[in-house]
Amino acid sequence: MGAWGTKLGPVVFKHRGTLLAVPAVLLVLTGKPTARSIRLGLPLAFAGEALRCYAVGFSGATTRGGEVTAPQLVTAGPYAHVRNPLYLGNAVTATGFALAFTGGFRPLQRAVAVAGSLGVMLGIYAIIVPHEERFLRATFGDAFDDYAERVPRIVPRLKAAQPQQGRFDPAVVRSAERNTFVTFGLMLAALFYKALR
């Protein structure tokens, strides 16, 4: 991305929550869920949220700030399989909700809505992941480069990479994920409200 990405990365990272909320709000406002689409999408949404919580339990509360921070390079748990498990979890959750909210759309309209929702997310992550990796490379040097060679950025590997550093802390999930749980609950409430209308 060059200089443009270097300047844009911190801004997009700081406002990522607001930017990622835009497609969610559009789905809530325009969505037409059906019983079938809810049965299809909701398990995905819950699976993505579970992966996100698992990742946050390893990475810690630093995932909620407006600037990239990392007291240590975490390479254990889901981070032994993929470098961005939190974002992968978010993408699975978003896919689930997009499918759930668009069951009453015509096929082409549904495809555009789902692809558009995920496209916004992928565009945001295409900017902030390199921004985070520049920070991690500058902070941890060769240790991060070695980790990046062993663990893929997006598509998880089945076998956990070694060595692993970090441990799961459930207390971090409870404290750091309050906003995420509220947002997830609001999306569920909106989904069922629209389905029952």
Foldseek 3Di string as FASTA:
>chain_A
DPPVLLVVQLVLLLCVVVLLCVLLVVLLVPFQFAPVLLVVQVVQLVQLVVQLLQVCLWQFLQSPHSGADGPDQFCDDQNLFAVCSNLLSVLSNLLSLLSRRHPPPDPVVSVCSSCVSSVSSVVSCVRHVVNNLVVCCVVVPPVSVVSCVNYHHHGTDPDGHDDGDTDGDSVRSVPNCPVVVVVVVVSVVSSVVSNVD
